[in-house]
Amino acid sequence: MRSFEFALISAHEYDEFAKHAPYANFQQTSAMARVREDNGSRIAFTAVKEEGKIVAAALLAIQGTALTRFASVTDGPLCDFDDVELTRFFLSQLAAYAKKQGAVHFDMTPEQTYQVLSSQGHELDGDDPDVPRSLMHLAKPDRSAIVHITDNGFTHEGLSVGYTPVPRWRYVKDLTPFADVKSLLASYAKNTRRNVKIADNSCVEVRQLGESELNVFHDICELSSERQGFTNRSLTYAQQIFESFGDDAQFMIAEIHLQKYIKVWQKKLDVASKQVEELEAEQSKVEASGGQLGDKKLNKLRTARQNAEAAVNRIAKAKQYVQEDGDVVPVAAALFIVQPREMVYLMSGSNDKYAKFYAPTALQHYAMSWCVEHGIDRYNFYGISGYFDDPQAEGAGVLEFKQGFNGYVEELMGSFSLVLRGLTYRLQRVAHKILGR
């Protein structure tokens, strides 16, 4: 019979365990605890010790007041749910602690993977070059972990499809095969590689924002939220993340340097104009002597004229952009959270007016390049909807964008809940029903 001890531990002890846990993630960190405290939650760093060593841990948050109080663990606990004895002990202790804190119910969304799927959302049939071999045991669903949790009184909210507050479906790219940025770029789909090149050639430059510039990040995210119909996070939330995570929170922005862009296209115009001038002069000379320019040179002349016209149009459009938005235009922004296990692409926004500059693609390539250069082996694109075969489905465009980088899908177990105070919970449900919530 194993001997376990439930304990409250320090933030430092918690982080030391969490950063080496198999399913470590930014939600289960002391940095995120500070953000939750800033938003009114009470926090407890809980752990299970076996022979004096921490073997499981959870950042438990208590929210609400009186009849609405509940406990939650987001993307946790950090526990091996395939270990029946450990699961039974930890969940019972967490529930008892939450109830002692006055919680009516206890909700959790474990980070442990339920199943790994191909980039297209299909079950794996043999090796997949984009899926780490270490995850192939999850080619079939890990149903046992769900059973081990529900055996302890929790209700499983189901294997849902669609966006949820804590994403159940994730898109991930394994970075271990790539020794450098060149090999990383070569792993993308053809169109995505092209878009990276277009962004680079269009003078899109990526840089990190300072705290005083977070309003720029927020405003760009607001553009996407208005366009796509979701509620943007507040500027205060961005500031909380910045202050709490420090260097581990990278607020990045992609800007178009329009004067540089104009110079690039002016050089292309000069080259094309010179070709047109030379070929037209040759054409005139040939025709004056009664001949005709050969098909090959006629095609060259046609191409040169088209290139010159395209350059003129690009320059005119860029000058219009300068008049409207200035010389340097921030067009896309993203927040990346760095952890020892992974980098997470948490939130972003873009200005659709400049979609053809492919700034969001530049941001993703920059982030993954940073990971390769700094030894981060896993890039987590975070949430997708779980719909794969319907181009009209929720999140189809987001999925297609992420699939262009050639990764794989992780399906998590989903949400679990445990009622701690039955009468209070039933009264709460009745009240919600009457109020139409």
Protein backbone atom coordinates (compact mmCIF):
# COMPACT_ATOMS: atom_id res chain seq x y z
CA MET A 1 0.00 0.00 0.00
CA ARG A 2 1.49 3.31 -1.07
CA SER A 3 1.62 6.23 1.35
CA PHE A 4 0.57 9.64 0.05
CA GLU A 5 0.51 13.04 1.74
CA PHE A 6 -1.62 16.01 0.60
CA ALA A 7 0.17 19.33 1.10
CA LEU A 8 -0.01 23.03 0.40
CA ILE A 9 3.34 24.11 -1.05
CA SER A 10 5.06 27.37 -1.94
CA ALA A 11 4.91 28.99 -5.38
CA HIS A 12 8.60 28.20 -5.85
CA GLU A 13 8.14 24.51 -4.99
CA TYR A 14 5.18 24.37 -7.29
CA ASP A 15 7.03 25.87 -10.26
CA GLU A 16 10.02 23.59 -9.74
CA PHE A 17 7.75 20.55 -10.01
CA ALA A 18 5.51 21.95 -12.74
CA LYS A 19 8.24 22.85 -15.21
CA HIS A 20 9.34 19.21 -15.40
CA ALA A 21 5.87 17.62 -15.37
CA PRO A 22 4.88 15.70 -18.54
CA TYR A 23 1.90 17.98 -19.17
CA ALA A 24 3.39 21.23 -17.87
CA ASN A 25 1.66 24.31 -19.27
CA PHE A 26 1.37 28.05 -18.69
CA GLN A 27 -2.03 27.75 -16.98
CA GLN A 28 -0.43 25.73 -14.19
CA THR A 29 2.25 28.23 -13.14
CA SER A 30 2.70 30.74 -10.33
CA ALA A 31 2.72 33.46 -13.00
CA MET A 32 -0.82 32.53 -14.04
CA ALA A 33 -1.75 32.30 -10.36
CA ARG A 34 -0.86 35.98 -9.98
CA VAL A 35 -3.05 36.87 -12.95
CA ARG A 36 -5.97 34.97 -11.44
CA GLU A 37 -5.44 36.66 -8.08
CA ASP A 38 -5.48 40.03 -9.82
CA ASN A 39 -8.89 39.06 -11.20
CA GLY A 40 -10.36 38.11 -7.83
CA SER A 41 -9.55 34.41 -7.39
CA ARG A 42 -8.11 32.85 -4.26
CA ILE A 43 -5.23 30.54 -5.09
CA ALA A 44 -3.79 27.40 -3.50
CA PHE A 45 -0.71 25.51 -4.65
CA THR A 46 -1.64 21.92 -3.83
CA ALA A 47 0.48 18.79 -4.11
CA VAL A 48 0.75 15.10 -3.35
CA LYS A 49 3.97 13.81 -1.85
CA GLU A 50 5.11 10.20 -1.87
CA GLU A 51 8.11 9.40 0.31
CA GLY A 52 8.67 13.14 0.66
CA LYS A 53 8.79 13.76 -3.09
CA ILE A 54 6.12 15.71 -5.01
CA VAL A 55 4.44 13.36 -7.50
CA ALA A 56 1.40 15.46 -8.49
CA ALA A 57 0.35 19.09 -8.15
CA ALA A 58 -2.45 21.48 -9.03
CA LEU A 59 -2.99 25.22 -9.07
CA LEU A 60 -6.46 25.43 -7.52
CA ALA A 61 -8.50 28.60 -7.92
CA ILE A 62 -11.52 29.54 -5.77
CA GLN A 63 -13.89 32.03 -7.40
CA GLY A 64 -17.21 33.65 -6.61
CA THR A 65 -18.96 34.35 -3.34
CA ALA A 66 -21.51 32.54 -1.16
CA LEU A 67 -23.88 30.47 -3.33
CA THR A 68 -21.86 31.06 -6.51
CA ARG A 69 -18.45 29.97 -5.16
CA PHE A 70 -16.68 27.24 -7.10
CA ALA A 71 -13.23 25.70 -7.42
CA SER A 72 -11.38 25.06 -10.66
CA VAL A 73 -8.15 23.63 -12.01
CA THR A 74 -7.41 24.82 -15.55
CA ASP A 75 -5.29 22.55 -17.77
CA GLY A 76 -4.57 20.36 -14.78
CA PRO A 77 -4.04 18.81 -12.29
CA LEU A 78 -0.49 17.84 -13.19
CA CYS A 79 -1.14 14.22 -12.36
CA ASP A 80 -0.79 10.88 -14.13
CA PHE A 81 -4.45 9.90 -14.43
CA ASP A 82 -3.42 6.43 -15.55
CA ASP A 83 -2.09 5.90 -12.01
CA VAL A 84 -5.26 4.75 -10.26
CA GLU A 85 -4.08 5.05 -6.65
CA LEU A 86 -2.56 8.49 -7.13
CA THR A 87 -5.64 9.74 -9.00
CA ARG A 88 -8.01 8.49 -6.29
CA PHE A 89 -6.02 10.09 -3.48
CA PHE A 90 -5.38 13.44 -5.16
CA LEU A 91 -8.91 14.00 -6.44
CA SER A 92 -10.46 13.13 -3.08
CA GLN A 93 -8.09 15.52 -1.30
CA LEU A 94 -8.65 18.32 -3.80
CA ALA A 95 -12.41 17.93 -3.46
CA ALA A 96 -12.22 17.97 0.34
CA TYR A 97 -10.02 21.06 0.30
CA ALA A 98 -12.28 22.87 -2.17
CA LYS A 99 -15.36 22.05 -0.10
CA LYS A 100 -13.62 23.33 3.03
CA GLN A 101 -13.07 26.62 1.16
CA GLY A 102 -16.82 26.89 0.61
CA ALA A 103 -16.93 25.77 -3.04
CA VAL A 104 -20.30 24.51 -4.30
CA HIS A 105 -18.75 22.54 -7.15
CA PHE A 106 -15.29 21.67 -8.45
CA ASP A 107 -14.43 21.83 -12.17
CA MET A 108 -11.26 20.74 -13.93
CA THR A 109 -9.92 20.44 -17.47
CA PRO A 110 -6.93 18.07 -17.47
CA GLU A 111 -4.12 18.73 -19.93
CA GLN A 112 -3.47 15.01 -20.35
CA THR A 113 -3.94 13.96 -23.99
CA TYR A 114 -6.86 11.71 -24.89
CA GLN A 115 -5.80 10.98 -28.47
CA VAL A 116 -3.32 12.16 -31.10
CA LEU A 117 -4.59 12.60 -34.66
CA SER A 118 -3.11 13.58 -38.01
CA SER A 119 -3.04 17.17 -39.22
CA GLN A 120 -6.31 16.47 -41.04
CA GLY A 121 -7.96 15.15 -37.87
CA HIS A 122 -7.83 11.50 -38.96
CA GLU A 123 -6.85 8.54 -36.81
CA LEU A 124 -3.20 7.56 -37.22
CA ASP A 125 -2.57 4.44 -39.26
CA GLY A 126 1.11 3.72 -38.82
CA ASP A 127 3.84 6.34 -38.48
CA ASP A 128 3.13 9.95 -39.40
CA PRO A 129 6.20 12.10 -40.15
CA ASP A 130 4.66 15.07 -38.32
CA VAL A 131 3.84 13.13 -35.13
CA PRO A 132 6.57 12.33 -32.57
CA ARG A 133 7.12 8.60 -32.19
CA SER A 134 6.88 9.09 -28.43
CA LEU A 135 3.17 9.91 -28.86
CA MET A 136 2.22 7.01 -31.09
CA HIS A 137 0.79 5.13 -28.09
CA LEU A 138 -1.97 7.76 -28.16
CA ALA A 139 -2.97 6.86 -31.72
CA LYS A 140 -5.92 5.17 -30.00
CA PRO A 141 -7.99 6.99 -27.33
CA ASP A 142 -6.83 6.79 -23.70
CA ARG A 143 -10.27 5.97 -22.31
CA SER A 144 -8.87 4.58 -19.08
CA ALA A 145 -7.84 8.02 -17.78
CA ILE A 146 -11.43 9.28 -18.14
CA VAL A 147 -12.73 6.19 -16.30
CA HIS A 148 -10.24 6.72 -13.47
CA ILE A 149 -11.55 10.26 -12.98
CA THR A 150 -15.27 9.42 -13.22
CA ASP A 151 -14.77 6.51 -10.83
CA ASN A 152 -14.06 9.18 -8.23
CA GLY A 153 -17.47 10.80 -8.58
CA PHE A 154 -16.72 13.35 -11.30
CA THR A 155 -19.08 13.89 -14.21
CA HIS A 156 -17.44 13.98 -17.63
CA GLU A 157 -18.90 16.76 -19.77
CA GLY A 158 -18.30 14.72 -22.91
CA LEU A 159 -16.00 14.69 -25.91
CA SER A 160 -17.28 17.95 -27.29
CA VAL A 161 -16.57 19.51 -30.68
CA GLY A 162 -16.38 23.28 -31.08
CA TYR A 163 -14.55 26.03 -29.28
CA THR A 164 -14.59 25.91 -25.49
CA PRO A 165 -13.20 28.36 -22.89
CA VAL A 166 -10.31 25.95 -22.29
CA PRO A 167 -9.57 24.48 -25.74
CA ARG A 168 -10.11 20.72 -25.87
CA TRP A 169 -8.65 20.50 -29.36
CA ARG A 170 -5.08 21.69 -29.95
CA TYR A 171 -2.88 21.98 -33.03
CA VAL A 172 0.79 21.28 -32.34
CA LYS A 173 4.06 21.17 -34.28
CA ASP A 174 6.97 19.00 -33.18
CA LEU A 175 10.21 20.95 -33.60
CA THR A 176 12.68 18.23 -32.64
CA PRO A 177 13.54 17.28 -36.26
CA PHE A 178 14.80 20.77 -37.15
CA ALA A 179 18.42 21.75 -36.64
CA ASP A 180 17.98 25.21 -38.15
CA VAL A 181 15.46 27.68 -39.53
CA LYS A 182 16.08 26.55 -43.12
CA SER A 183 14.92 23.00 -42.39
CA LEU A 184 11.97 24.36 -40.39
CA LEU A 185 10.82 26.49 -43.33
CA ALA A 186 11.16 23.51 -45.68
CA SER A 187 8.70 21.55 -43.50
CA TYR A 188 5.79 23.93 -44.21
CA ALA A 189 3.23 23.42 -46.93
CA LYS A 190 4.08 25.01 -50.29
CA ASN A 191 1.64 27.92 -49.96
CA THR A 192 2.81 28.70 -46.44
CA ARG A 193 6.45 28.74 -47.55
CA ARG A 194 5.43 31.13 -50.32
CA ASN A 195 3.62 33.38 -47.87
CA VAL A 196 6.66 33.53 -45.57
CA LYS A 197 8.71 34.65 -48.57
CA ILE A 198 6.12 37.24 -49.63
CA ALA A 199 6.06 38.74 -46.13
CA ASP A 200 9.85 38.90 -46.04
CA ASN A 201 10.06 40.49 -49.50
CA SER A 202 7.29 42.94 -48.58
CA CYS A 203 9.32 44.49 -45.77
CA VAL A 204 7.24 42.92 -42.98
CA GLU A 205 9.40 43.01 -39.86
CA VAL A 206 8.67 41.35 -36.52
CA ARG A 207 9.68 42.82 -33.18
CA GLN A 208 8.79 42.52 -29.52
CA LEU A 209 6.59 45.11 -27.83
CA GLY A 210 7.41 46.86 -24.60
CA GLU A 211 4.89 47.41 -21.84
CA SER A 212 4.12 50.97 -22.97
CA GLU A 213 3.09 49.60 -26.41
CA LEU A 214 0.56 47.03 -25.24
CA ASN A 215 -2.25 49.30 -26.41
CA VAL A 216 -1.07 48.64 -29.98
CA PHE A 217 -1.35 44.89 -29.36
CA HIS A 218 -4.82 45.31 -27.85
CA ASP A 219 -6.06 47.51 -30.71
CA ILE A 220 -4.97 45.02 -33.38
CA CYS A 221 -6.62 42.16 -31.49
CA GLU A 222 -9.75 44.30 -31.32
CA LEU A 223 -9.86 44.44 -35.13
CA SER A 224 -10.00 40.64 -35.32
CA SER A 225 -12.54 40.33 -32.52
CA GLU A 226 -14.89 42.75 -34.29
CA ARG A 227 -14.43 40.95 -37.61
CA GLN A 228 -14.89 37.45 -36.21
CA GLY A 229 -17.53 38.21 -33.58
CA PHE A 230 -15.78 37.31 -30.32
CA THR A 231 -14.99 39.38 -27.23
CA ASN A 232 -11.44 40.69 -27.05
CA ARG A 233 -9.42 40.47 -23.84
CA SER A 234 -8.99 43.79 -22.06
CA LEU A 235 -5.86 45.89 -22.13
CA THR A 236 -5.66 45.33 -18.37
CA TYR A 237 -5.44 41.57 -18.96
CA ALA A 238 -2.54 42.06 -21.38
CA GLN A 239 -0.78 44.22 -18.81
CA GLN A 240 -1.32 41.56 -16.14
CA ILE A 241 0.17 38.87 -18.37
CA PHE A 242 3.13 41.12 -19.21
CA GLU A 243 3.86 41.92 -15.56
CA SER A 244 3.31 38.42 -14.23
CA PHE A 245 5.12 36.34 -16.86
CA GLY A 246 7.94 38.78 -17.53
CA ASP A 247 10.31 37.54 -20.25
CA ASP A 248 8.21 34.40 -20.70
CA ALA A 249 5.43 36.48 -22.29
CA GLN A 250 6.42 37.64 -25.75
CA PHE A 251 4.06 40.26 -27.16
CA MET A 252 5.12 40.39 -30.79
CA ILE A 253 4.10 42.70 -33.60
CA ALA A 254 4.54 42.54 -37.37
CA GLU A 255 4.97 45.91 -39.06
CA ILE A 256 5.17 46.89 -42.71
CA HIS A 257 7.92 49.41 -43.42
CA LEU A 258 6.29 51.14 -46.35
CA GLN A 259 9.15 53.42 -47.39
CA LYS A 260 11.41 50.37 -47.64
CA TYR A 261 8.64 48.62 -49.55
CA ILE A 262 8.37 51.52 -51.99
CA LYS A 263 12.14 51.44 -52.57
CA VAL A 264 12.00 47.69 -53.29
CA TRP A 265 9.31 48.19 -55.89
CA GLN A 266 11.00 51.27 -57.32
CA LYS A 267 14.08 49.13 -58.02
CA LYS A 268 11.86 46.54 -59.69
CA LEU A 269 10.23 49.31 -61.73
CA ASP A 270 13.61 50.64 -62.80
CA VAL A 271 14.72 47.19 -63.96
CA ALA A 272 11.46 46.50 -65.82
CA SER A 273 11.41 49.98 -67.38
CA LYS A 274 14.95 49.54 -68.64
CA GLN A 275 14.04 46.18 -70.17
CA VAL A 276 10.98 47.72 -71.85
CA GLU A 277 13.05 50.61 -73.18
CA GLU A 278 15.74 48.31 -74.60
CA LEU A 279 13.32 45.85 -76.13
CA GLU A 280 11.11 48.57 -77.64
CA ALA A 281 14.21 50.20 -79.16
CA GLU A 282 15.22 46.86 -80.64
CA GLN A 283 11.68 46.30 -81.92
CA SER A 284 11.63 49.69 -83.63
CA LYS A 285 14.97 49.03 -85.25
CA VAL A 286 13.90 45.59 -86.52
CA GLU A 287 10.57 46.88 -87.85
CA ALA A 288 12.29 49.84 -89.55
CA SER A 289 14.27 47.34 -91.62
CA GLY A 290 11.09 45.45 -92.53
CA GLY A 291 11.43 42.64 -90.02
CA GLN A 292 9.61 41.54 -86.89
CA LEU A 293 10.79 40.91 -83.34
CA GLY A 294 11.00 37.19 -82.59
CA ASP A 295 8.41 35.47 -80.39
CA LYS A 296 10.89 34.98 -77.57
CA LYS A 297 11.71 38.68 -77.35
CA LEU A 298 8.07 39.66 -77.82
CA ASN A 299 7.25 37.52 -74.77
CA LYS A 300 10.06 39.21 -72.85
CA LEU A 301 8.69 42.62 -73.81
CA ARG A 302 5.18 41.64 -72.76
CA THR A 303 6.46 40.35 -69.41
CA ALA A 304 8.57 43.47 -68.82
CA ARG A 305 5.58 45.74 -69.50
CA GLN A 306 3.45 43.69 -67.10
CA ASN A 307 6.17 43.89 -64.45
CA ALA A 308 6.47 47.62 -64.89
CA GLU A 309 2.72 48.09 -64.64
CA ALA A 310 2.59 45.92 -61.51
CA ALA A 311 5.39 47.92 -59.91
CA VAL A 312 3.66 51.22 -60.68
CA ASN A 313 0.46 49.93 -59.10
CA ARG A 314 2.29 48.62 -56.01
CA ILE A 315 4.08 51.92 -55.51
CA ALA A 316 0.87 53.93 -55.93
CA LYS A 317 -0.97 51.70 -53.45
CA ALA A 318 1.90 51.90 -50.95
CA LYS A 319 1.92 55.70 -51.16
CA GLN A 320 -1.80 55.65 -50.48
CA TYR A 321 -1.17 53.47 -47.42
CA VAL A 322 1.48 55.93 -46.22
CA GLN A 323 -1.02 58.79 -46.47
CA GLU A 324 -3.64 56.78 -44.58
CA ASP A 325 -1.56 54.99 -41.94
CA GLY A 326 2.00 56.34 -41.90
CA ASP A 327 5.43 55.00 -42.90
CA VAL A 328 5.49 52.04 -40.48
CA VAL A 329 2.18 50.23 -40.05
CA PRO A 330 1.52 47.59 -37.33
CA VAL A 331 -0.68 45.03 -39.08
CA ALA A 332 -0.56 41.86 -36.95
CA ALA A 333 0.16 41.03 -33.33
CA ALA A 334 0.41 37.87 -31.24
CA LEU A 335 1.13 36.78 -27.68
CA PHE A 336 3.41 33.79 -27.18
CA ILE A 337 4.02 32.22 -23.77
CA VAL A 338 7.34 30.40 -23.32
CA GLN A 339 7.62 27.40 -20.99
CA PRO A 340 10.34 24.74 -20.74
CA ARG A 341 8.04 22.20 -22.41
CA GLU A 342 6.64 24.40 -25.17
CA MET A 343 5.82 27.77 -26.62
CA VAL A 344 2.09 28.54 -26.75
CA TYR A 345 0.51 30.82 -29.33
CA LEU A 346 -2.14 32.23 -27.02
CA MET A 347 -3.89 35.10 -28.79
CA SER A 348 -3.53 37.33 -31.81
CA GLY A 349 -5.09 39.82 -34.17
CA SER A 350 -4.52 41.29 -37.61
CA ASN A 351 -5.61 44.13 -39.86
CA ASP A 352 -7.47 42.54 -42.78
CA LYS A 353 -6.73 45.60 -44.91
CA TYR A 354 -3.15 44.33 -45.22
CA ALA A 355 -3.97 40.62 -45.57
CA LYS A 356 -1.90 40.20 -48.76
CA PHE A 357 1.29 41.05 -46.85
CA TYR A 358 0.89 37.79 -44.84
CA ALA A 359 2.04 39.32 -41.56
CA PRO A 360 0.35 36.61 -39.39
CA THR A 361 2.39 33.98 -41.26
CA ALA A 362 5.54 35.98 -40.58
CA LEU A 363 4.72 36.03 -36.85
CA GLN A 364 4.27 32.27 -36.71
CA HIS A 365 7.49 31.62 -38.59
CA TYR A 366 9.35 34.02 -36.32
CA ALA A 367 8.01 32.29 -33.19
CA MET A 368 8.90 28.79 -34.35
CA SER A 369 12.32 29.97 -35.54
CA TRP A 370 12.89 31.40 -32.07
CA CYS A 371 11.99 28.01 -30.57
CA VAL A 372 14.42 26.17 -32.83
CA GLU A 373 17.20 28.61 -31.93
CA HIS A 374 16.47 28.39 -28.18
CA GLY A 375 15.92 24.65 -27.82
CA ILE A 376 12.12 24.62 -27.38
CA ASP A 377 10.96 21.36 -28.96
CA ARG A 378 7.21 21.84 -29.07
CA TYR A 379 5.13 24.64 -30.60
CA ASN A 380 1.51 24.75 -29.46
CA PHE A 381 -0.80 26.61 -31.85
CA TYR A 382 -3.42 26.16 -29.11
CA GLY A 383 -7.12 26.02 -29.86
CA ILE A 384 -8.93 24.65 -32.90
CA SER A 385 -12.62 23.74 -33.08
CA GLY A 386 -12.37 20.00 -33.73
CA TYR A 387 -14.26 20.25 -37.03
CA PHE A 388 -12.09 18.99 -39.89
CA ASP A 389 -14.07 18.11 -43.00
CA ASP A 390 -16.51 21.02 -43.36
CA PRO A 391 -15.13 24.21 -44.96
CA GLN A 392 -18.16 26.10 -43.60
CA ALA A 393 -17.68 24.91 -40.01
CA GLU A 394 -16.71 27.06 -37.08
CA GLY A 395 -12.98 27.84 -37.16
CA ALA A 396 -12.36 26.38 -40.63
CA GLY A 397 -10.14 29.30 -41.64
CA VAL A 398 -8.13 29.11 -38.41
CA LEU A 399 -7.58 25.38 -38.91
CA GLU A 400 -6.49 25.81 -42.52
CA PHE A 401 -3.98 28.50 -41.52
CA LYS A 402 -2.44 26.29 -38.82
CA GLN A 403 -2.42 23.20 -41.03
CA GLY A 404 -0.21 25.09 -43.45
CA PHE A 405 2.66 24.66 -41.00
CA ASN A 406 2.26 20.84 -41.01
CA GLY A 407 1.72 19.68 -37.46
CA TYR A 408 -0.65 17.27 -35.75
CA VAL A 409 -3.77 17.36 -33.56
CA GLU A 410 -4.06 16.64 -29.85
CA GLU A 411 -7.50 15.90 -28.48
CA LEU A 412 -7.69 16.42 -24.72
CA MET A 413 -10.03 14.66 -22.29
CA GLY A 414 -12.34 17.63 -21.79
CA SER A 415 -14.07 19.00 -18.71
CA PHE A 416 -15.03 17.23 -15.48
CA SER A 417 -17.16 18.49 -12.62
CA LEU A 418 -17.96 17.34 -9.10
CA VAL A 419 -20.83 18.70 -7.00
CA LEU A 420 -19.60 19.38 -3.47
CA ARG A 421 -22.74 20.85 -1.89
CA GLY A 422 -25.80 19.18 -3.41
CA LEU A 423 -28.58 21.34 -1.98
CA THR A 424 -26.79 24.61 -2.70
CA TYR A 425 -25.95 23.44 -6.21
CA ARG A 426 -29.59 22.54 -6.94
CA LEU A 427 -30.75 25.93 -5.66
CA GLN A 428 -28.14 27.56 -7.85
CA ARG A 429 -29.42 25.65 -10.91
CA VAL A 430 -33.02 26.67 -10.16
CA ALA A 431 -31.99 30.30 -9.81
CA HIS A 432 -30.11 30.18 -13.13
CA LYS A 433 -33.13 28.63 -14.82
CA ILE A 434 -35.48 31.31 -13.49
CA LEU A 435 -33.06 34.06 -14.57
CA GLY A 436 -32.61 32.45 -17.98
CA ARG A 437 -28.86 31.95 -17.66
